[in-house]
Amino acid sequence: MQTLSKTAGLIKAYDLESIQEIRDYLISVNQTISVAESVTSGHLQAALSLAEDASRFFQGGITTFNIGQKCRHLLVEPTHALACNCVSVDIAEQMASQVAGIFLSDWGIAITGYAAPVEGITDDRLFAYYSINHRGNKIQNGIIETASGEGLEVQLFYSNEVLRDLARTIRSHMHN
């Protein structure tokens, strides 16, 4: 039988400070968030679910790995999706907007990219595009790049970068 202590390392791998900041802000303004993921395989959802009283601000999420599922569930534009292997800033924007609508949340976050090399596409670097949407408006887009690494390591790196940027975005949103 496995013990729970073996999962403690994974929990510590998430940026708990950013998660707490996101939680505190969203609860204080009575807003919610949802997530659409591909490359991070649900890690953003898992990270947000770790916050105390997560159900007060986290609506849920969806993980879609291929073009067919992104088109079906997140209504990404199929011609563009096929042309870019479903990895572009436009795809991330569409995913963020749609997930917020699906889950009726104020905020939507999405990420799509590569956690492992793909011949002819990723060359010597891995990358992911992400988008942050608030009430139907694109707030922030970005690209995260890293050298090759193990899949889980890359997924956690991407997840924490998005969480940090979301916390910064929320911080600046509070002052506007």
C-alpha atoms as a PDB file:
ATOM      1  CA  MET A   1       0.000   0.000   0.000  1.00  0.00           C
ATOM      2  CA  GLN A   2       1.304   3.441  -0.937  1.00  0.00           C
ATOM      3  CA  THR A   3       1.376   6.145   1.686  1.00  0.00           C
ATOM      4  CA  LEU A   4       0.230   9.695   1.203  1.00  0.00           C
ATOM      5  CA  SER A   5       3.666  11.020   2.085  1.00  0.00           C
ATOM      6  CA  LYS A   6       4.862  10.028  -1.386  1.00  0.00           C
ATOM      7  CA  THR A   7       2.625  12.727  -2.889  1.00  0.00           C
ATOM      8  CA  ALA A   8       3.923  15.491  -0.608  1.00  0.00           C
ATOM      9  CA  GLY A   9       6.742  16.268  -3.045  1.00  0.00           C
ATOM     10  CA  LEU A  10       4.255  16.955  -5.836  1.00  0.00           C
ATOM     11  CA  ILE A  11       2.194  19.303  -3.657  1.00  0.00           C
ATOM     12  CA  LYS A  12       5.361  21.214  -2.751  1.00  0.00           C
ATOM     13  CA  ALA A  13       6.096  21.486  -6.479  1.00  0.00           C
ATOM     14  CA  TYR A  14       3.166  23.889  -6.915  1.00  0.00           C
ATOM     15  CA  ASP A  15       3.611  27.599  -6.199  1.00  0.00           C
ATOM     16  CA  LEU A  16       1.421  27.676  -3.090  1.00  0.00           C
ATOM     17  CA  GLU A  17       2.051  31.400  -2.523  1.00  0.00           C
ATOM     18  CA  SER A  18       0.596  32.308  -5.922  1.00  0.00           C
ATOM     19  CA  ILE A  19      -2.315  29.923  -5.390  1.00  0.00           C
ATOM     20  CA  GLN A  20      -3.073  31.606  -2.055  1.00  0.00           C
ATOM     21  CA  GLU A  21      -2.905  35.073  -3.612  1.00  0.00           C
ATOM     22  CA  ILE A  22      -5.268  34.041  -6.432  1.00  0.00           C
ATOM     23  CA  ARG A  23      -7.644  32.454  -3.922  1.00  0.00           C
ATOM     24  CA  ASP A  24      -7.662  35.441  -1.585  1.00  0.00           C
ATOM     25  CA  TYR A  25      -8.368  37.918  -4.368  1.00  0.00           C
ATOM     26  CA  LEU A  26     -11.089  35.904  -6.085  1.00  0.00           C
ATOM     27  CA  ILE A  27     -12.915  35.187  -2.852  1.00  0.00           C
ATOM     28  CA  SER A  28     -12.623  38.837  -1.756  1.00  0.00           C
ATOM     29  CA  VAL A  29     -14.336  40.051  -4.946  1.00  0.00           C
ATOM     30  CA  ASN A  30     -16.696  37.071  -5.198  1.00  0.00           C
ATOM     31  CA  GLN A  31     -15.355  35.953  -8.583  1.00  0.00           C
ATOM     32  CA  THR A  32     -14.601  32.530  -9.998  1.00  0.00           C
ATOM     33  CA  ILE A  33     -12.108  30.919 -12.343  1.00  0.00           C
ATOM     34  CA  SER A  34     -11.952  27.916 -14.662  1.00  0.00           C
ATOM     35  CA  VAL A  35      -9.119  26.312 -16.603  1.00  0.00           C
ATOM     36  CA  ALA A  36      -8.620  24.750 -20.054  1.00  0.00           C
ATOM     37  CA  GLU A  37      -5.437  22.735 -20.318  1.00  0.00           C
ATOM     38  CA  SER A  38      -3.554  20.665 -22.783  1.00  0.00           C
ATOM     39  CA  VAL A  39       0.198  20.548 -22.173  1.00  0.00           C
ATOM     40  CA  THR A  40      -0.110  20.777 -18.375  1.00  0.00           C
ATOM     41  CA  SER A  41      -2.430  17.746 -18.221  1.00  0.00           C
ATOM     42  CA  GLY A  42      -4.580  19.036 -15.375  1.00  0.00           C
ATOM     43  CA  HIS A  43      -1.816  20.413 -13.155  1.00  0.00           C
ATOM     44  CA  LEU A  44      -3.344  23.904 -13.092  1.00  0.00           C
ATOM     45  CA  GLN A  45      -6.629  22.373 -11.987  1.00  0.00           C
ATOM     46  CA  ALA A  46      -4.885  20.276  -9.328  1.00  0.00           C
ATOM     47  CA  ALA A  47      -2.928  23.292  -8.087  1.00  0.00           C
ATOM     48  CA  LEU A  48      -5.993  25.529  -7.744  1.00  0.00           C
ATOM     49  CA  SER A  49      -7.919  22.738  -6.031  1.00  0.00           C
ATOM     50  CA  LEU A  50      -5.330  22.696  -3.237  1.00  0.00           C
ATOM     51  CA  ALA A  51      -6.410  26.116  -1.959  1.00  0.00           C
ATOM     52  CA  GLU A  52      -8.496  26.258   1.172  1.00  0.00           C
ATOM     53  CA  ASP A  53     -12.179  26.636   0.233  1.00  0.00           C
ATOM     54  CA  ALA A  54     -11.314  26.053  -3.432  1.00  0.00           C
ATOM     55  CA  SER A  55     -14.963  25.473  -4.302  1.00  0.00           C
ATOM     56  CA  ARG A  56     -15.670  29.122  -3.435  1.00  0.00           C
ATOM     57  CA  PHE A  57     -13.631  30.373  -6.411  1.00  0.00           C
ATOM     58  CA  PHE A  58     -12.578  27.429  -8.603  1.00  0.00           C
ATOM     59  CA  GLN A  59     -15.329  26.262 -10.946  1.00  0.00           C
ATOM     60  CA  GLY A  60     -13.399  23.437 -12.597  1.00  0.00           C
ATOM     61  CA  GLY A  61     -11.634  22.732 -15.817  1.00  0.00           C
ATOM     62  CA  ILE A  62     -11.148  20.617 -18.879  1.00  0.00           C
ATOM     63  CA  THR A  63      -8.087  18.902 -20.285  1.00  0.00           C
ATOM     64  CA  THR A  64      -8.093  18.372 -24.044  1.00  0.00           C
ATOM     65  CA  PHE A  65      -5.096  16.831 -25.739  1.00  0.00           C
ATOM     66  CA  ASN A  66      -5.920  16.692 -29.414  1.00  0.00           C
ATOM     67  CA  ILE A  67      -7.335  18.926 -32.097  1.00  0.00           C
ATOM     68  CA  GLY A  68     -10.627  17.037 -32.304  1.00  0.00           C
ATOM     69  CA  GLN A  69     -11.382  17.469 -28.616  1.00  0.00           C
ATOM     70  CA  LYS A  70     -10.285  21.125 -28.568  1.00  0.00           C
ATOM     71  CA  CYS A  71     -12.603  21.826 -31.512  1.00  0.00           C
ATOM     72  CA  ARG A  72     -15.491  19.839 -30.028  1.00  0.00           C
ATOM     73  CA  HIS A  73     -15.394  21.012 -26.426  1.00  0.00           C
ATOM     74  CA  LEU A  74     -13.656  24.395 -26.607  1.00  0.00           C
ATOM     75  CA  LEU A  75     -14.820  25.452 -30.075  1.00  0.00           C
ATOM     76  CA  VAL A  76     -11.354  26.294 -31.352  1.00  0.00           C
ATOM     77  CA  GLU A  77     -11.301  27.203 -35.019  1.00  0.00           C
ATOM     78  CA  PRO A  78     -10.404  23.951 -36.830  1.00  0.00           C
ATOM     79  CA  THR A  79      -8.563  25.307 -39.880  1.00  0.00           C
ATOM     80  CA  HIS A  80      -6.141  27.311 -37.749  1.00  0.00           C
ATOM     81  CA  ALA A  81      -5.894  24.449 -35.228  1.00  0.00           C
ATOM     82  CA  LEU A  82      -4.802  22.032 -37.971  1.00  0.00           C
ATOM     83  CA  ALA A  83      -2.304  24.521 -39.397  1.00  0.00           C
ATOM     84  CA  CYS A  84      -0.507  25.029 -36.065  1.00  0.00           C
ATOM     85  CA  ASN A  85      -0.963  21.611 -34.420  1.00  0.00           C
ATOM     86  CA  CYS A  86      -3.330  23.365 -32.009  1.00  0.00           C
ATOM     87  CA  VAL A  87      -0.467  25.324 -30.440  1.00  0.00           C
ATOM     88  CA  SER A  88      -0.688  29.094 -30.841  1.00  0.00           C
ATOM     89  CA  VAL A  89      -1.618  32.192 -28.906  1.00  0.00           C
ATOM     90  CA  ASP A  90      -4.924  32.316 -30.824  1.00  0.00           C
ATOM     91  CA  ILE A  91      -5.761  28.770 -29.729  1.00  0.00           C
ATOM     92  CA  ALA A  92      -4.950  29.638 -26.097  1.00  0.00           C
ATOM     93  CA  GLU A  93      -7.206  32.725 -26.327  1.00  0.00           C
ATOM     94  CA  GLN A  94     -10.080  30.691 -27.763  1.00  0.00           C
ATOM     95  CA  MET A  95      -9.651  28.045 -25.072  1.00  0.00           C
ATOM     96  CA  ALA A  96      -9.616  30.630 -22.237  1.00  0.00           C
ATOM     97  CA  SER A  97     -12.703  32.385 -23.520  1.00  0.00           C
ATOM     98  CA  GLN A  98     -14.646  29.175 -24.061  1.00  0.00           C
ATOM     99  CA  VAL A  99     -13.785  27.574 -20.723  1.00  0.00           C
ATOM    100  CA  ALA A 100     -15.017  30.665 -18.881  1.00  0.00           C
ATOM    101  CA  GLY A 101     -18.294  30.382 -20.774  1.00  0.00           C
ATOM    102  CA  ILE A 102     -18.642  26.648 -20.216  1.00  0.00           C
ATOM    103  CA  PHE A 103     -18.103  26.958 -16.470  1.00  0.00           C
ATOM    104  CA  LEU A 104     -19.833  30.351 -16.104  1.00  0.00           C
ATOM    105  CA  SER A 105     -16.745  31.789 -14.443  1.00  0.00           C
ATOM    106  CA  ASP A 106     -15.439  35.343 -14.362  1.00  0.00           C
ATOM    107  CA  TRP A 107     -11.904  34.275 -15.255  1.00  0.00           C
ATOM    108  CA  GLY A 108     -10.672  31.719 -17.774  1.00  0.00           C
ATOM    109  CA  ILE A 109      -7.117  30.473 -18.130  1.00  0.00           C
ATOM    110  CA  ALA A 110      -5.820  28.252 -20.903  1.00  0.00           C
ATOM    111  CA  ILE A 111      -2.514  26.716 -21.912  1.00  0.00           C
ATOM    112  CA  THR A 112      -1.412  24.697 -24.931  1.00  0.00           C
ATOM    113  CA  GLY A 113       2.080  23.692 -26.003  1.00  0.00           C
ATOM    114  CA  TYR A 114       4.757  21.027 -25.880  1.00  0.00           C
ATOM    115  CA  ALA A 115       6.136  19.200 -22.822  1.00  0.00           C
ATOM    116  CA  ALA A 116       8.277  16.887 -24.958  1.00  0.00           C
ATOM    117  CA  PRO A 117      10.193  17.415 -28.190  1.00  0.00           C
ATOM    118  CA  VAL A 118       8.306  17.037 -31.453  1.00  0.00           C
ATOM    119  CA  GLU A 119      10.506  16.555 -34.481  1.00  0.00           C
ATOM    120  CA  GLY A 120      10.365  19.509 -36.845  1.00  0.00           C
ATOM    121  CA  ILE A 121       8.356  21.668 -34.437  1.00  0.00           C
ATOM    122  CA  THR A 122      10.134  22.199 -31.137  1.00  0.00           C
ATOM    123  CA  ASP A 123      13.800  21.984 -32.220  1.00  0.00           C
ATOM    124  CA  ASP A 124      15.947  22.741 -29.141  1.00  0.00           C
ATOM    125  CA  ARG A 125      13.256  24.360 -27.034  1.00  0.00           C
ATOM    126  CA  LEU A 126       9.902  23.521 -25.586  1.00  0.00           C
ATOM    127  CA  PHE A 127       7.200  26.155 -25.388  1.00  0.00           C
ATOM    128  CA  ALA A 128       3.611  26.780 -24.444  1.00  0.00           C
ATOM    129  CA  TYR A 129       1.167  29.611 -25.072  1.00  0.00           C
ATOM    130  CA  TYR A 130      -1.255  30.702 -22.395  1.00  0.00           C
ATOM    131  CA  SER A 131      -4.075  33.192 -22.129  1.00  0.00           C
ATOM    132  CA  ILE A 132      -5.915  34.825 -19.250  1.00  0.00           C
ATOM    133  CA  ASN A 133      -9.464  36.034 -19.889  1.00  0.00           C
ATOM    134  CA  HIS A 134     -11.686  38.114 -17.605  1.00  0.00           C
ATOM    135  CA  ARG A 135     -15.378  38.442 -18.325  1.00  0.00           C
ATOM    136  CA  GLY A 136     -14.933  37.898 -22.032  1.00  0.00           C
ATOM    137  CA  ASN A 137     -11.886  40.150 -22.409  1.00  0.00           C
ATOM    138  CA  LYS A 138      -8.356  39.002 -23.112  1.00  0.00           C
ATOM    139  CA  ILE A 139      -6.284  40.285 -20.197  1.00  0.00           C
ATOM    140  CA  GLN A 140      -2.915  38.643 -20.758  1.00  0.00           C
ATOM    141  CA  ASN A 141      -1.290  36.326 -23.271  1.00  0.00           C
ATOM    142  CA  GLY A 142       2.141  34.856 -23.015  1.00  0.00           C
ATOM    143  CA  ILE A 143       4.623  32.292 -24.150  1.00  0.00           C
ATOM    144  CA  ILE A 144       6.690  30.188 -21.796  1.00  0.00           C
ATOM    145  CA  GLU A 145       9.885  28.650 -23.100  1.00  0.00           C
ATOM    146  CA  THR A 146      12.238  26.107 -21.605  1.00  0.00           C
ATOM    147  CA  ALA A 147      15.008  23.801 -22.653  1.00  0.00           C
ATOM    148  CA  SER A 148      14.142  20.149 -22.899  1.00  0.00           C
ATOM    149  CA  GLY A 149      13.322  18.424 -19.636  1.00  0.00           C
ATOM    150  CA  GLU A 150      11.331  15.519 -18.322  1.00  0.00           C
ATOM    151  CA  GLY A 151       7.591  15.754 -19.092  1.00  0.00           C
ATOM    152  CA  LEU A 152       6.416  16.201 -15.494  1.00  0.00           C
ATOM    153  CA  GLU A 153       9.145  18.722 -14.761  1.00  0.00           C
ATOM    154  CA  VAL A 154       8.131  20.778 -17.816  1.00  0.00           C
ATOM    155  CA  GLN A 155       4.421  20.548 -16.952  1.00  0.00           C
ATOM    156  CA  LEU A 156       5.071  21.783 -13.405  1.00  0.00           C
ATOM    157  CA  PHE A 157       7.299  24.576 -14.694  1.00  0.00           C
ATOM    158  CA  TYR A 158       4.588  25.755 -17.106  1.00  0.00           C
ATOM    159  CA  SER A 159       1.880  25.475 -14.434  1.00  0.00           C
ATOM    160  CA  ASN A 160       3.822  27.547 -11.921  1.00  0.00           C
ATOM    161  CA  GLU A 161       4.709  30.186 -14.506  1.00  0.00           C
ATOM    162  CA  VAL A 162       1.014  30.574 -15.388  1.00  0.00           C
ATOM    163  CA  LEU A 163       0.033  30.720 -11.703  1.00  0.00           C
ATOM    164  CA  ARG A 164       2.667  33.402 -11.047  1.00  0.00           C
ATOM    165  CA  ASP A 165       1.544  35.446 -14.030  1.00  0.00           C
ATOM    166  CA  LEU A 166      -2.097  35.089 -13.011  1.00  0.00           C
ATOM    167  CA  ALA A 167      -1.213  36.297  -9.499  1.00  0.00           C
ATOM    168  CA  ARG A 168       0.651  39.311 -11.004  1.00  0.00           C
ATOM    169  CA  THR A 169      -2.263  39.991 -13.355  1.00  0.00           C
ATOM    170  CA  ILE A 170      -4.750  39.858 -10.511  1.00  0.00           C
ATOM    171  CA  ARG A 171      -2.512  42.126  -8.419  1.00  0.00           C
ATOM    172  CA  SER A 172      -2.469  44.749 -11.180  1.00  0.00           C
ATOM    173  CA  HIS A 173      -6.195  44.227 -11.795  1.00  0.00           C
ATOM    174  CA  MET A 174      -6.868  45.070  -8.142  1.00  0.00           C
ATOM    175  CA  HIS A 175      -5.260  48.477  -8.610  1.00  0.00           C
ATOM    176  CA  ASN A 176      -7.200  49.408 -11.761  1.00  0.00           C
END
